[in-house]
PDB file of N, CA and C in Angstrom:
ATOM      1  N   ILE A   1       3.047   5.987 -20.188  1.00  0.00           N
ATOM      2  CA  ILE A   1       1.910   6.609 -20.914  1.00  0.00           C
ATOM      3  C   ILE A   1       2.131   8.051 -21.031  1.00  0.00           C
ATOM      4  N   ASP A   2       2.162   8.567 -22.187  1.00  0.00           N
ATOM      5  CA  ASP A   2       2.354   9.927 -22.613  1.00  0.00           C
ATOM      6  C   ASP A   2       1.124  10.783 -22.201  1.00  0.00           C
ATOM      7  N   PRO A   3       1.285  11.754 -21.235  1.00  0.00           N
ATOM      8  CA  PRO A   3       0.150  12.487 -20.824  1.00  0.00           C
ATOM      9  C   PRO A   3      -0.323  13.474 -21.940  1.00  0.00           C
ATOM     10  N   GLN A   4       0.467  13.678 -22.931  1.00  0.00           N
ATOM     11  CA  GLN A   4       0.021  14.465 -24.053  1.00  0.00           C
ATOM     12  C   GLN A   4      -0.985  13.754 -24.904  1.00  0.00           C
ATOM     13  N   VAL A   5      -0.899  12.444 -24.902  1.00  0.00           N
ATOM     14  CA  VAL A   5      -1.603  11.554 -25.759  1.00  0.00           C
ATOM     15  C   VAL A   5      -2.934  10.999 -25.080  1.00  0.00           C
ATOM     16  N   CYS A   6      -2.794  10.661 -23.765  1.00  0.00           N
ATOM     17  CA  CYS A   6      -3.889  10.147 -22.973  1.00  0.00           C
ATOM     18  C   CYS A   6      -4.496  11.039 -22.058  1.00  0.00           C
ATOM     19  N   LYS A   7      -5.896  11.150 -22.076  1.00  0.00           N
ATOM     20  CA  LYS A   7      -6.521  12.187 -21.088  1.00  0.00           C
ATOM     21  C   LYS A   7      -7.149  11.351 -20.015  1.00  0.00           C
ATOM     22  N   ILE A   8      -7.195  11.930 -18.829  1.00  0.00           N
ATOM     23  CA  ILE A   8      -7.801  11.358 -17.748  1.00  0.00           C
ATOM     24  C   ILE A   8      -8.810  12.469 -17.217  1.00  0.00           C
ATOM     25  N   PRO A   9     -10.095  12.097 -17.088  1.00  0.00           N
ATOM     26  CA  PRO A   9     -11.062  13.105 -16.620  1.00  0.00           C
ATOM     27  C   PRO A   9     -10.530  13.826 -15.394  1.00  0.00           C
ATOM     28  N   ALA A  10     -10.782  15.132 -15.311  1.00  0.00           N
ATOM     29  CA  ALA A  10     -10.326  15.888 -14.181  1.00  0.00           C
ATOM     30  C   ALA A  10     -10.952  15.470 -12.913  1.00  0.00           C
ATOM     31  N   LEU A  11     -10.157  15.474 -11.854  1.00  0.00           N
ATOM     32  CA  LEU A  11     -10.635  15.099 -10.483  1.00  0.00           C
ATOM     33  C   LEU A  11     -11.225  13.641 -10.403  1.00  0.00           C
ATOM     34  N   LEU A  12     -10.854  12.814 -11.302  1.00  0.00           N
ATOM     35  CA  LEU A  12     -11.271  11.361 -11.097  1.00  0.00           C
ATOM     36  C   LEU A  12     -10.363  10.716 -10.054  1.00  0.00           C
ATOM     37  N   LEU A  13      -9.055  10.881 -10.133  1.00  0.00           N
ATOM     38  CA  LEU A  13      -8.196  10.271  -9.165  1.00  0.00           C
ATOM     39  C   LEU A  13      -8.015  10.864  -7.873  1.00  0.00           C
ATOM     40  N   GLN A  14      -8.152  12.156  -7.754  1.00  0.00           N
ATOM     41  CA  GLN A  14      -7.860  12.936  -6.579  1.00  0.00           C
ATOM     42  C   GLN A  14      -8.591  12.427  -5.350  1.00  0.00           C
ATOM     43  N   PRO A  15      -9.930  12.191  -5.426  1.00  0.00           N
ATOM     44  CA  PRO A  15     -10.618  11.698  -4.157  1.00  0.00           C
ATOM     45  C   PRO A  15     -10.177  10.372  -3.771  1.00  0.00           C
ATOM     46  N   ILE A  16      -9.806   9.473  -4.670  1.00  0.00           N
ATOM     47  CA  ILE A  16      -9.368   8.140  -4.360  1.00  0.00           C
ATOM     48  C   ILE A  16      -8.020   8.163  -3.626  1.00  0.00           C
ATOM     49  N   VAL A  17      -7.097   9.035  -4.222  1.00  0.00           N
ATOM     50  CA  VAL A  17      -5.806   9.167  -3.514  1.00  0.00           C
ATOM     51  C   VAL A  17      -5.935   9.860  -2.171  1.00  0.00           C
ATOM     52  N   GLU A  18      -6.856  10.811  -2.058  1.00  0.00           N
ATOM     53  CA  GLU A  18      -7.089  11.469  -0.775  1.00  0.00           C
ATOM     54  C   GLU A  18      -7.668  10.531   0.237  1.00  0.00           C
ATOM     55  N   ASN A  19      -8.587   9.589  -0.236  1.00  0.00           N
ATOM     56  CA  ASN A  19      -9.209   8.584   0.705  1.00  0.00           C
ATOM     57  C   ASN A  19      -8.003   7.675   1.219  1.00  0.00           C
ATOM     58  N   ALA A  20      -7.154   7.279   0.240  1.00  0.00           N
ATOM     59  CA  ALA A  20      -6.083   6.257   0.629  1.00  0.00           C
ATOM     60  C   ALA A  20      -5.224   6.851   1.773  1.00  0.00           C
ATOM     61  N   ILE A  21      -4.969   8.173   1.606  1.00  0.00           N
ATOM     62  CA  ILE A  21      -4.124   8.858   2.568  1.00  0.00           C
ATOM     63  C   ILE A  21      -4.870   9.001   3.942  1.00  0.00           C
ATOM     64  N   TRP A  22      -6.111   9.625   3.775  1.00  0.00           N
ATOM     65  CA  TRP A  22      -6.712   9.951   5.047  1.00  0.00           C
ATOM     66  C   TRP A  22      -7.230   8.802   5.752  1.00  0.00           C
ATOM     67  N   HIS A  23      -7.903   7.682   5.099  1.00  0.00           N
ATOM     68  CA  HIS A  23      -8.606   6.664   5.720  1.00  0.00           C
ATOM     69  C   HIS A  23      -7.757   5.404   5.707  1.00  0.00           C
ATOM     70  N   GLY A  24      -6.743   5.186   4.945  1.00  0.00           N
ATOM     71  CA  GLY A  24      -5.960   3.984   4.856  1.00  0.00           C
ATOM     72  C   GLY A  24      -4.753   4.125   5.486  1.00  0.00           C
ATOM     73  N   ILE A  25      -3.937   5.141   5.156  1.00  0.00           N
ATOM     74  CA  ILE A  25      -2.581   5.352   5.641  1.00  0.00           C
ATOM     75  C   ILE A  25      -2.532   6.159   7.054  1.00  0.00           C
ATOM     76  N   GLY A  26      -3.468   7.168   6.985  1.00  0.00           N
ATOM     77  CA  GLY A  26      -3.513   8.111   8.166  1.00  0.00           C
ATOM     78  C   GLY A  26      -3.590   7.417   9.530  1.00  0.00           C
ATOM     79  N   PRO A  27      -4.441   6.426   9.720  1.00  0.00           N
ATOM     80  CA  PRO A  27      -4.601   5.764  11.043  1.00  0.00           C
ATOM     81  C   PRO A  27      -3.401   4.829  11.468  1.00  0.00           C
ATOM     82  N   MET A  28      -2.487   4.677  10.504  1.00  0.00           N
ATOM     83  CA  MET A  28      -1.385   3.705  10.818  1.00  0.00           C
ATOM     84  C   MET A  28      -0.290   4.389  11.653  1.00  0.00           C
ATOM     85  N   GLU A  29       0.512   3.485  12.371  1.00  0.00           N
ATOM     86  CA  GLU A  29       1.629   4.014  13.127  1.00  0.00           C
ATOM     87  C   GLU A  29       2.858   3.835  12.210  1.00  0.00           C
ATOM     88  N   LYS A  30       2.850   2.896  11.283  1.00  0.00           N
ATOM     89  CA  LYS A  30       4.007   2.661  10.510  1.00  0.00           C
ATOM     90  C   LYS A  30       3.993   3.481   9.228  1.00  0.00           C
ATOM     91  N   GLU A  31       5.084   3.532   8.475  1.00  0.00           N
ATOM     92  CA  GLU A  31       5.225   4.335   7.259  1.00  0.00           C
ATOM     93  C   GLU A  31       4.181   3.893   6.208  1.00  0.00           C
ATOM     94  N   GLY A  32       3.463   4.933   5.657  1.00  0.00           N
ATOM     95  CA  GLY A  32       2.488   4.622   4.590  1.00  0.00           C
ATOM     96  C   GLY A  32       3.153   4.774   3.198  1.00  0.00           C
ATOM     97  N   LYS A  33       2.669   3.913   2.336  1.00  0.00           N
ATOM     98  CA  LYS A  33       3.145   3.952   0.906  1.00  0.00           C
ATOM     99  C   LYS A  33       1.933   3.910   0.075  1.00  0.00           C
ATOM    100  N   LEU A  34       2.026   4.651  -1.083  1.00  0.00           N
ATOM    101  CA  LEU A  34       1.042   4.717  -1.977  1.00  0.00           C
ATOM    102  C   LEU A  34       1.554   4.634  -3.454  1.00  0.00           C
ATOM    103  N   TRP A  35       0.956   3.718  -4.280  1.00  0.00           N
ATOM    104  CA  TRP A  35       1.378   3.549  -5.683  1.00  0.00           C
ATOM    105  C   TRP A  35       0.239   3.823  -6.617  1.00  0.00           C
ATOM    106  N   ILE A  36       0.547   4.466  -7.713  1.00  0.00           N
ATOM    107  CA  ILE A  36      -0.394   4.759  -8.723  1.00  0.00           C
ATOM    108  C   ILE A  36       0.162   4.215 -10.048  1.00  0.00           C
ATOM    109  N   ILE A  37      -0.541   3.158 -10.640  1.00  0.00           N
ATOM    110  CA  ILE A  37      -0.109   2.543 -11.800  1.00  0.00           C
ATOM    111  C   ILE A  37      -1.029   2.772 -12.955  1.00  0.00           C
ATOM    112  N   PHE A  38      -0.486   3.087 -14.115  1.00  0.00           N
ATOM    113  CA  PHE A  38      -1.272   3.267 -15.310  1.00  0.00           C
ATOM    114  C   PHE A  38      -0.901   2.277 -16.336  1.00  0.00           C
ATOM    115  N   ARG A  39      -1.897   1.643 -16.982  1.00  0.00           N
ATOM    116  CA  ARG A  39      -1.613   0.576 -17.969  1.00  0.00           C
ATOM    117  C   ARG A  39      -2.672   0.858 -19.090  1.00  0.00           C
ATOM    118  N   ARG A  40      -2.124   0.761 -20.374  1.00  0.00           N
ATOM    119  CA  ARG A  40      -2.990   0.651 -21.502  1.00  0.00           C
ATOM    120  C   ARG A  40      -3.342  -0.705 -21.904  1.00  0.00           C
ATOM    121  N   ASN A  41      -4.547  -1.072 -21.986  1.00  0.00           N
ATOM    122  CA  ASN A  41      -4.952  -2.405 -22.495  1.00  0.00           C
ATOM    123  C   ASN A  41      -5.822  -2.224 -23.591  1.00  0.00           C
ATOM    124  N   SER A  42      -5.345  -2.227 -24.775  1.00  0.00           N
ATOM    125  CA  SER A  42      -6.137  -2.157 -26.056  1.00  0.00           C
ATOM    126  C   SER A  42      -6.778  -0.702 -26.004  1.00  0.00           C
ATOM    127  N   ASP A  43      -8.084  -0.596 -25.916  1.00  0.00           N
ATOM    128  CA  ASP A  43      -8.830   0.568 -26.010  1.00  0.00           C
ATOM    129  C   ASP A  43      -9.281   1.167 -24.618  1.00  0.00           C
ATOM    130  N   THR A  44      -8.621   0.560 -23.558  1.00  0.00           N
ATOM    131  CA  THR A  44      -8.951   1.145 -22.192  1.00  0.00           C
ATOM    132  C   THR A  44      -7.653   1.515 -21.481  1.00  0.00           C
ATOM    133  N   LEU A  45      -7.845   2.321 -20.486  1.00  0.00           N
ATOM    134  CA  LEU A  45      -6.804   2.735 -19.536  1.00  0.00           C
ATOM    135  C   LEU A  45      -7.182   2.146 -18.217  1.00  0.00           C
ATOM    136  N   GLN A  46      -6.241   1.366 -17.614  1.00  0.00           N
ATOM    137  CA  GLN A  46      -6.373   0.723 -16.367  1.00  0.00           C
ATOM    138  C   GLN A  46      -5.573   1.480 -15.338  1.00  0.00           C
ATOM    139  N   ILE A  47      -6.180   1.971 -14.250  1.00  0.00           N
ATOM    140  CA  ILE A  47      -5.518   2.753 -13.227  1.00  0.00           C
ATOM    141  C   ILE A  47      -5.663   2.019 -11.899  1.00  0.00           C
ATOM    142  N   GLU A  48      -4.485   1.747 -11.192  1.00  0.00           N
ATOM    143  CA  GLU A  48      -4.537   1.094  -9.880  1.00  0.00           C
ATOM    144  C   GLU A  48      -3.928   2.082  -8.850  1.00  0.00           C
ATOM    145  N   ILE A  49      -4.684   2.203  -7.835  1.00  0.00           N
ATOM    146  CA  ILE A  49      -4.252   3.099  -6.670  1.00  0.00           C
ATOM    147  C   ILE A  49      -4.132   2.072  -5.655  1.00  0.00           C
ATOM    148  N   ILE A  50      -2.975   1.807  -5.144  1.00  0.00           N
ATOM    149  CA  ILE A  50      -2.655   0.795  -4.140  1.00  0.00           C
ATOM    150  C   ILE A  50      -1.971   1.518  -2.907  1.00  0.00           C
ATOM    151  N   ASP A  51      -2.406   1.024  -1.689  1.00  0.00           N
ATOM    152  CA  ASP A  51      -1.773   1.640  -0.471  1.00  0.00           C
ATOM    153  C   ASP A  51      -1.491   0.452   0.442  1.00  0.00           C
ATOM    154  N   ASN A  52      -0.602   0.672   1.430  1.00  0.00           N
ATOM    155  CA  ASN A  52      -0.326  -0.317   2.436  1.00  0.00           C
ATOM    156  C   ASN A  52      -0.984  -0.060   3.856  1.00  0.00           C
ATOM    157  N   GLY A  53      -2.174   0.619   3.664  1.00  0.00           N
ATOM    158  CA  GLY A  53      -2.928   1.035   4.909  1.00  0.00           C
ATOM    159  C   GLY A  53      -3.671  -0.039   5.578  1.00  0.00           C
ATOM    160  N   ILE A  54      -4.668   0.416   6.309  1.00  0.00           N
ATOM    161  CA  ILE A  54      -5.531  -0.536   7.143  1.00  0.00           C
ATOM    162  C   ILE A  54      -6.613  -1.234   6.475  1.00  0.00           C
ATOM    163  N   GLY A  55      -6.749  -1.017   5.280  1.00  0.00           N
ATOM    164  CA  GLY A  55      -7.753  -1.734   4.516  1.00  0.00           C
ATOM    165  C   GLY A  55      -9.112  -1.141   4.535  1.00  0.00           C
ATOM    166  N   VAL A  56     -10.010  -1.629   3.631  1.00  0.00           N
ATOM    167  CA  VAL A  56     -11.346  -1.075   3.452  1.00  0.00           C
ATOM    168  C   VAL A  56     -12.290  -1.293   4.638  1.00  0.00           C
ATOM    169  N   LYS A  57     -12.247  -2.527   5.106  1.00  0.00           N
ATOM    170  CA  LYS A  57     -13.259  -2.974   6.144  1.00  0.00           C
ATOM    171  C   LYS A  57     -12.958  -2.120   7.424  1.00  0.00           C
ATOM    172  N   GLU A  58     -11.594  -2.085   7.834  1.00  0.00           N
ATOM    173  CA  GLU A  58     -11.216  -1.322   8.999  1.00  0.00           C
ATOM    174  C   GLU A  58     -11.439   0.153   8.857  1.00  0.00           C
ATOM    175  N   ALA A  59     -11.226   0.685   7.688  1.00  0.00           N
ATOM    176  CA  ALA A  59     -11.438   2.118   7.437  1.00  0.00           C
ATOM    177  C   ALA A  59     -13.005   2.447   7.628  1.00  0.00           C
ATOM    178  N   GLN A  60     -13.801   1.560   7.140  1.00  0.00           N
ATOM    179  CA  GLN A  60     -15.274   1.753   7.127  1.00  0.00           C
ATOM    180  C   GLN A  60     -15.763   1.571   8.564  1.00  0.00           C
ATOM    181  N   ARG A  61     -15.156   0.701   9.359  1.00  0.00           N
ATOM    182  CA  ARG A  61     -15.525   0.631  10.830  1.00  0.00           C
ATOM    183  C   ARG A  61     -15.197   1.852  11.492  1.00  0.00           C
ATOM    184  N   ILE A  62     -14.018   2.433  11.286  1.00  0.00           N
ATOM    185  CA  ILE A  62     -13.704   3.750  11.984  1.00  0.00           C
ATOM    186  C   ILE A  62     -14.558   4.913  11.506  1.00  0.00           C
ATOM    187  N   LYS A  63     -14.762   4.825  10.311  1.00  0.00           N
ATOM    188  CA  LYS A  63     -15.603   5.942   9.592  1.00  0.00           C
ATOM    189  C   LYS A  63     -17.123   5.939  10.065  1.00  0.00           C
ATOM    190  N   SER A  64     -17.614   4.640  10.299  1.00  0.00           N
ATOM    191  CA  SER A  64     -19.019   4.560  10.688  1.00  0.00           C
ATOM    192  C   SER A  64     -19.288   5.152  11.969  1.00  0.00           C
ATOM    193  N   SER A  65     -18.292   5.365  12.824  1.00  0.00           N
ATOM    194  CA  SER A  65     -18.575   5.986  14.139  1.00  0.00           C
ATOM    195  C   SER A  65     -18.527   7.566  14.064  1.00  0.00           C
ATOM    196  N   LYS A  66     -18.270   8.133  12.842  1.00  0.00           N
ATOM    197  CA  LYS A  66     -18.202   9.533  12.653  1.00  0.00           C
ATOM    198  C   LYS A  66     -19.481  10.022  11.939  1.00  0.00           C
ATOM    199  N   LYS A  67     -19.547  11.335  11.795  1.00  0.00           N
ATOM    200  CA  LYS A  67     -20.658  12.026  11.139  1.00  0.00           C
ATOM    201  C   LYS A  67     -20.686  11.545   9.743  1.00  0.00           C
ATOM    202  N   LYS A  68     -21.939  11.225   9.247  1.00  0.00           N
ATOM    203  CA  LYS A  68     -22.178  10.730   7.845  1.00  0.00           C
ATOM    204  C   LYS A  68     -22.096  12.000   6.962  1.00  0.00           C
ATOM    205  N   GLU A  69     -21.428  11.853   5.850  1.00  0.00           N
ATOM    206  CA  GLU A  69     -21.387  12.976   4.822  1.00  0.00           C
ATOM    207  C   GLU A  69     -21.532  12.168   3.432  1.00  0.00           C
ATOM    208  N   ARG A  70     -21.645  12.911   2.386  1.00  0.00           N
ATOM    209  CA  ARG A  70     -21.811  12.311   1.070  1.00  0.00           C
ATOM    210  C   ARG A  70     -20.443  11.685   0.759  1.00  0.00           C
ATOM    211  N   HIS A  71     -20.377  10.471   0.408  1.00  0.00           N
ATOM    212  CA  HIS A  71     -19.311   9.611   0.159  1.00  0.00           C
ATOM    213  C   HIS A  71     -18.719  10.098  -1.157  1.00  0.00           C
ATOM    214  N   SER A  72     -17.305  10.440  -1.124  1.00  0.00           N
ATOM    215  CA  SER A  72     -16.714  10.828  -2.396  1.00  0.00           C
ATOM    216  C   SER A  72     -16.676   9.822  -3.490  1.00  0.00           C
ATOM    217  N   LEU A  73     -16.864   8.563  -3.113  1.00  0.00           N
ATOM    218  CA  LEU A  73     -16.940   7.452  -4.096  1.00  0.00           C
ATOM    219  C   LEU A  73     -18.264   7.478  -4.901  1.00  0.00           C
ATOM    220  N   ASP A  74     -19.335   8.024  -4.164  1.00  0.00           N
ATOM    221  CA  ASP A  74     -20.523   8.168  -4.938  1.00  0.00           C
ATOM    222  C   ASP A  74     -20.346   9.122  -6.096  1.00  0.00           C
ATOM    223  N   VAL A  75     -19.602  10.285  -5.902  1.00  0.00           N
ATOM    224  CA  VAL A  75     -19.396  11.205  -6.957  1.00  0.00           C
ATOM    225  C   VAL A  75     -18.586  10.569  -8.023  1.00  0.00           C
ATOM    226  N   ILE A  76     -17.633   9.768  -7.606  1.00  0.00           N
ATOM    227  CA  ILE A  76     -16.730   9.073  -8.734  1.00  0.00           C
ATOM    228  C   ILE A  76     -17.562   8.150  -9.457  1.00  0.00           C
ATOM    229  N   ASN A  77     -18.439   7.422  -8.905  1.00  0.00           N
ATOM    230  CA  ASN A  77     -19.341   6.484  -9.524  1.00  0.00           C
ATOM    231  C   ASN A  77     -20.207   7.187 -10.551  1.00  0.00           C
ATOM    232  N   GLU A  78     -20.711   8.309 -10.048  1.00  0.00           N
ATOM    233  CA  GLU A  78     -21.531   9.178 -11.063  1.00  0.00           C
ATOM    234  C   GLU A  78     -20.746   9.610 -12.332  1.00  0.00           C
ATOM    235  N   ARG A  79     -19.558   9.934 -12.051  1.00  0.00           N
ATOM    236  CA  ARG A  79     -18.643  10.453 -13.156  1.00  0.00           C
ATOM    237  C   ARG A  79     -18.358   9.191 -14.017  1.00  0.00           C
ATOM    238  N   LEU A  80     -18.035   8.017 -13.519  1.00  0.00           N
ATOM    239  CA  LEU A  80     -17.818   6.874 -14.301  1.00  0.00           C
ATOM    240  C   LEU A  80     -19.065   6.563 -15.054  1.00  0.00           C
ATOM    241  N   SER A  81     -20.197   6.638 -14.534  1.00  0.00           N
ATOM    242  CA  SER A  81     -21.536   6.327 -15.326  1.00  0.00           C
ATOM    243  C   SER A  81     -21.624   7.257 -16.473  1.00  0.00           C
ATOM    244  N   LEU A  82     -21.385   8.552 -16.250  1.00  0.00           N
ATOM    245  CA  LEU A  82     -21.422   9.490 -17.329  1.00  0.00           C
ATOM    246  C   LEU A  82     -20.457   9.117 -18.456  1.00  0.00           C
ATOM    247  N   LEU A  83     -19.170   8.732 -18.121  1.00  0.00           N
ATOM    248  CA  LEU A  83     -18.201   8.346 -18.966  1.00  0.00           C
ATOM    249  C   LEU A  83     -18.708   7.150 -19.867  1.00  0.00           C
ATOM    250  N   GLN A  84     -19.261   6.183 -19.060  1.00  0.00           N
ATOM    251  CA  GLN A  84     -19.860   5.038 -19.833  1.00  0.00           C
ATOM    252  C   GLN A  84     -20.860   5.389 -20.827  1.00  0.00           C
ATOM    253  N   MET A  85     -21.743   6.267 -20.421  1.00  0.00           N
ATOM    254  CA  MET A  85     -22.784   6.739 -21.392  1.00  0.00           C
ATOM    255  C   MET A  85     -22.299   7.527 -22.519  1.00  0.00           C
ATOM    256  N   GLN A  86     -21.339   8.375 -22.242  1.00  0.00           N
ATOM    257  CA  GLN A  86     -20.771   9.229 -23.219  1.00  0.00           C
ATOM    258  C   GLN A  86     -19.978   8.518 -24.247  1.00  0.00           C
ATOM    259  N   PHE A  87     -19.146   7.577 -23.880  1.00  0.00           N
ATOM    260  CA  PHE A  87     -18.277   6.782 -24.782  1.00  0.00           C
ATOM    261  C   PHE A  87     -18.741   5.417 -25.070  1.00  0.00           C
ATOM    262  N   LYS A  88     -19.936   4.988 -24.567  1.00  0.00           N
ATOM    263  CA  LYS A  88     -20.466   3.732 -24.858  1.00  0.00           C
ATOM    264  C   LYS A  88     -19.462   2.643 -24.660  1.00  0.00           C
ATOM    265  N   SER A  89     -18.744   2.745 -23.602  1.00  0.00           N
ATOM    266  CA  SER A  89     -17.664   1.811 -23.336  1.00  0.00           C
ATOM    267  C   SER A  89     -17.761   1.222 -21.942  1.00  0.00           C
ATOM    268  N   HIS A  90     -17.319   0.109 -21.670  1.00  0.00           N
ATOM    269  CA  HIS A  90     -17.324  -0.540 -20.340  1.00  0.00           C
ATOM    270  C   HIS A  90     -16.366   0.223 -19.365  1.00  0.00           C
ATOM    271  N   VAL A  91     -16.969   0.845 -18.337  1.00  0.00           N
ATOM    272  CA  VAL A  91     -16.274   1.580 -17.317  1.00  0.00           C
ATOM    273  C   VAL A  91     -16.662   1.011 -15.975  1.00  0.00           C
ATOM    274  N   TYR A  92     -15.581   0.945 -15.090  1.00  0.00           N
ATOM    275  CA  TYR A  92     -15.960   0.433 -13.755  1.00  0.00           C
ATOM    276  C   TYR A  92     -14.788   0.747 -12.785  1.00  0.00           C
ATOM    277  N   MET A  93     -15.258   0.563 -11.517  1.00  0.00           N
ATOM    278  CA  MET A  93     -14.271   0.808 -10.361  1.00  0.00           C
ATOM    279  C   MET A  93     -14.418  -0.403  -9.500  1.00  0.00           C
ATOM    280  N   GLU A  94     -13.314  -0.963  -9.046  1.00  0.00           N
ATOM    281  CA  GLU A  94     -13.313  -2.077  -8.071  1.00  0.00           C
ATOM    282  C   GLU A  94     -12.491  -1.778  -6.921  1.00  0.00           C
ATOM    283  N   ILE A  95     -13.025  -1.916  -5.711  1.00  0.00           N
ATOM    284  CA  ILE A  95     -12.187  -1.556  -4.484  1.00  0.00           C
ATOM    285  C   ILE A  95     -12.102  -2.794  -3.654  1.00  0.00           C
ATOM    286  N   LYS A  96     -10.943  -3.249  -3.188  1.00  0.00           N
ATOM    287  CA  LYS A  96     -10.863  -4.412  -2.329  1.00  0.00           C
ATOM    288  C   LYS A  96      -9.655  -4.312  -1.485  1.00  0.00           C
ATOM    289  N   ASP A  97      -9.718  -5.014  -0.450  1.00  0.00           N
ATOM    290  CA  ASP A  97      -8.597  -5.172   0.567  1.00  0.00           C
ATOM    291  C   ASP A  97      -7.528  -5.968  -0.215  1.00  0.00           C
ATOM    292  N   ARG A  98      -6.199  -5.670   0.190  1.00  0.00           N
ATOM    293  CA  ARG A  98      -5.114  -6.458  -0.238  1.00  0.00           C
ATOM    294  C   ARG A  98      -4.703  -7.389   0.985  1.00  0.00           C
ATOM    295  N   PHE A  99      -4.255  -8.584   0.691  1.00  0.00           N
ATOM    296  CA  PHE A  99      -3.886  -9.491   1.667  1.00  0.00           C
ATOM    297  C   PHE A  99      -2.511 -10.060   1.441  1.00  0.00           C
ATOM    298  N   GLU A 100      -1.772 -10.309   2.545  1.00  0.00           N
ATOM    299  CA  GLU A 100      -0.526 -11.090   2.660  1.00  0.00           C
ATOM    300  C   GLU A 100      -0.648 -12.061   3.733  1.00  0.00           C
ATOM    301  N   LYS A 101      -0.659 -13.352   3.378  1.00  0.00           N
ATOM    302  CA  LYS A 101      -0.734 -14.454   4.242  1.00  0.00           C
ATOM    303  C   LYS A 101      -1.984 -14.295   5.244  1.00  0.00           C
ATOM    304  N   ASP A 102      -3.126 -14.039   4.581  1.00  0.00           N
ATOM    305  CA  ASP A 102      -4.396 -13.958   5.245  1.00  0.00           C
ATOM    306  C   ASP A 102      -4.501 -12.666   6.183  1.00  0.00           C
ATOM    307  N   THR A 103      -3.554 -11.695   6.007  1.00  0.00           N
ATOM    308  CA  THR A 103      -3.646 -10.531   6.865  1.00  0.00           C
ATOM    309  C   THR A 103      -3.844  -9.265   5.914  1.00  0.00           C
ATOM    310  N   VAL A 104      -4.760  -8.506   6.280  1.00  0.00           N
ATOM    311  CA  VAL A 104      -4.927  -7.323   5.472  1.00  0.00           C
ATOM    312  C   VAL A 104      -3.733  -6.463   5.482  1.00  0.00           C
ATOM    313  N   CYS A 105      -3.344  -6.013   4.259  1.00  0.00           N
ATOM    314  CA  CYS A 105      -2.105  -5.089   4.122  1.00  0.00           C
ATOM    315  C   CYS A 105      -2.241  -3.950   3.233  1.00  0.00           C
ATOM    316  N   GLY A 106      -3.549  -3.538   3.207  1.00  0.00           N
ATOM    317  CA  GLY A 106      -3.838  -2.345   2.361  1.00  0.00           C
ATOM    318  C   GLY A 106      -5.014  -2.503   1.482  1.00  0.00           C
ATOM    319  N   THR A 107      -5.179  -1.506   0.597  1.00  0.00           N
ATOM    320  CA  THR A 107      -6.410  -1.485  -0.335  1.00  0.00           C
ATOM    321  C   THR A 107      -5.845  -1.283  -1.787  1.00  0.00           C
ATOM    322  N   LYS A 108      -6.593  -1.900  -2.671  1.00  0.00           N
ATOM    323  CA  LYS A 108      -6.442  -1.730  -4.123  1.00  0.00           C
ATOM    324  C   LYS A 108      -7.679  -1.256  -4.772  1.00  0.00           C
ATOM    325  N   VAL A 109      -7.482  -0.070  -5.424  1.00  0.00           N
ATOM    326  CA  VAL A 109      -8.593   0.378  -6.286  1.00  0.00           C
ATOM    327  C   VAL A 109      -8.180   0.272  -7.777  1.00  0.00           C
ATOM    328  N   LEU A 110      -9.052  -0.351  -8.597  1.00  0.00           N
ATOM    329  CA  LEU A 110      -8.866  -0.439  -9.975  1.00  0.00           C
ATOM    330  C   LEU A 110      -9.890   0.250 -10.649  1.00  0.00           C
ATOM    331  N   ILE A 111      -9.548   1.159 -11.589  1.00  0.00           N
ATOM    332  CA  ILE A 111     -10.493   2.006 -12.406  1.00  0.00           C
ATOM    333  C   ILE A 111     -10.163   1.642 -13.886  1.00  0.00           C
ATOM    334  N   VAL A 112     -11.174   1.267 -14.642  1.00  0.00           N
ATOM    335  CA  VAL A 112     -11.076   0.998 -16.019  1.00  0.00           C
ATOM    336  C   VAL A 112     -11.876   2.023 -16.770  1.00  0.00           C
ATOM    337  N   ILE A 113     -11.265   2.944 -17.602  1.00  0.00           N
ATOM    338  CA  ILE A 113     -12.030   3.794 -18.447  1.00  0.00           C
ATOM    339  C   ILE A 113     -11.526   3.644 -19.889  1.00  0.00           C
ATOM    340  N   PRO A 114     -12.275   4.288 -20.869  1.00  0.00           N
ATOM    341  CA  PRO A 114     -11.856   4.189 -22.249  1.00  0.00           C
ATOM    342  C   PRO A 114     -10.593   4.959 -22.352  1.00  0.00           C
ATOM    343  N   TRP A 115      -9.757   4.442 -23.366  1.00  0.00           N
ATOM    344  CA  TRP A 115      -8.635   5.273 -23.702  1.00  0.00           C
ATOM    345  C   TRP A 115      -9.020   6.558 -24.408  1.00  0.00           C
ATOM    346  N   LEU A 116      -8.669   7.635 -23.773  1.00  0.00           N
ATOM    347  CA  LEU A 116      -9.139   8.902 -24.258  1.00  0.00           C
ATOM    348  C   LEU A 116      -7.937   9.681 -24.857  1.00  0.00           C
ATOM    349  N   ASN A 117      -7.883   9.820 -26.155  1.00  0.00           N
ATOM    350  CA  ASN A 117      -6.874  10.579 -26.707  1.00  0.00           C
ATOM    351  C   ASN A 117      -7.069  12.070 -26.821  1.00  0.00           C
ATOM    352  N   GLU A 118      -6.103  12.688 -27.395  1.00  0.00           N
ATOM    353  CA  GLU A 118      -6.251  14.253 -27.310  1.00  0.00           C
ATOM    354  C   GLU A 118      -7.451  14.815 -28.124  1.00  0.00           C
ATOM    355  N   ASN A 119      -8.081  14.016 -28.944  1.00  0.00           N
ATOM    356  CA  ASN A 119      -9.262  14.373 -29.667  1.00  0.00           C
ATOM    357  C   ASN A 119     -10.540  14.104 -28.852  1.00  0.00           C
ATOM    358  N   ALA A 120     -10.571  13.400 -27.788  1.00  0.00           N
ATOM    359  CA  ALA A 120     -11.789  13.172 -26.961  1.00  0.00           C
ATOM    360  C   ALA A 120     -12.210  14.417 -26.276  1.00  0.00           C
ATOM    361  N   VAL A 121     -13.437  14.514 -26.215  1.00  0.00           N
ATOM    362  CA  VAL A 121     -14.144  15.690 -25.476  1.00  0.00           C
ATOM    363  C   VAL A 121     -14.808  15.025 -24.225  1.00  0.00           C
ATOM    364  N   VAL A 122     -14.250  15.381 -23.242  1.00  0.00           N
ATOM    365  CA  VAL A 122     -14.889  14.766 -21.883  1.00  0.00           C
ATOM    366  C   VAL A 122     -15.719  15.877 -21.345  1.00  0.00           C
ATOM    367  N   SER A 123     -17.064  15.493 -21.017  1.00  0.00           N
ATOM    368  CA  SER A 123     -17.915  16.495 -20.534  1.00  0.00           C
ATOM    369  C   SER A 123     -18.010  16.136 -18.979  1.00  0.00           C
TER     370      SER A 123
END
């Protein structure tokens, strides 16, 4: 995907990548890996952020024992809602554990946003 042609709203991916590193990969003893995959599907951009970390449920269990703060995913969901209203397009985010042979082997985040070309104005 040519970055000169496709726009991604500022700071949309950074909190998700940061969460993958801090909450998914950080607590592991083995080597962490992170993949970011971009795909165009007609009039949408599909972005996958995949890690080989401890998974969503285990990360939430660890995090629940710590001080509560505003969840960065709340901010991302707000931004996605604004994109959906602005472009009148189906926008969503899905977060789920990845499994290999019934064992959690990381997290996958899928974000679908409208295909925003160089003429799109993102507020």
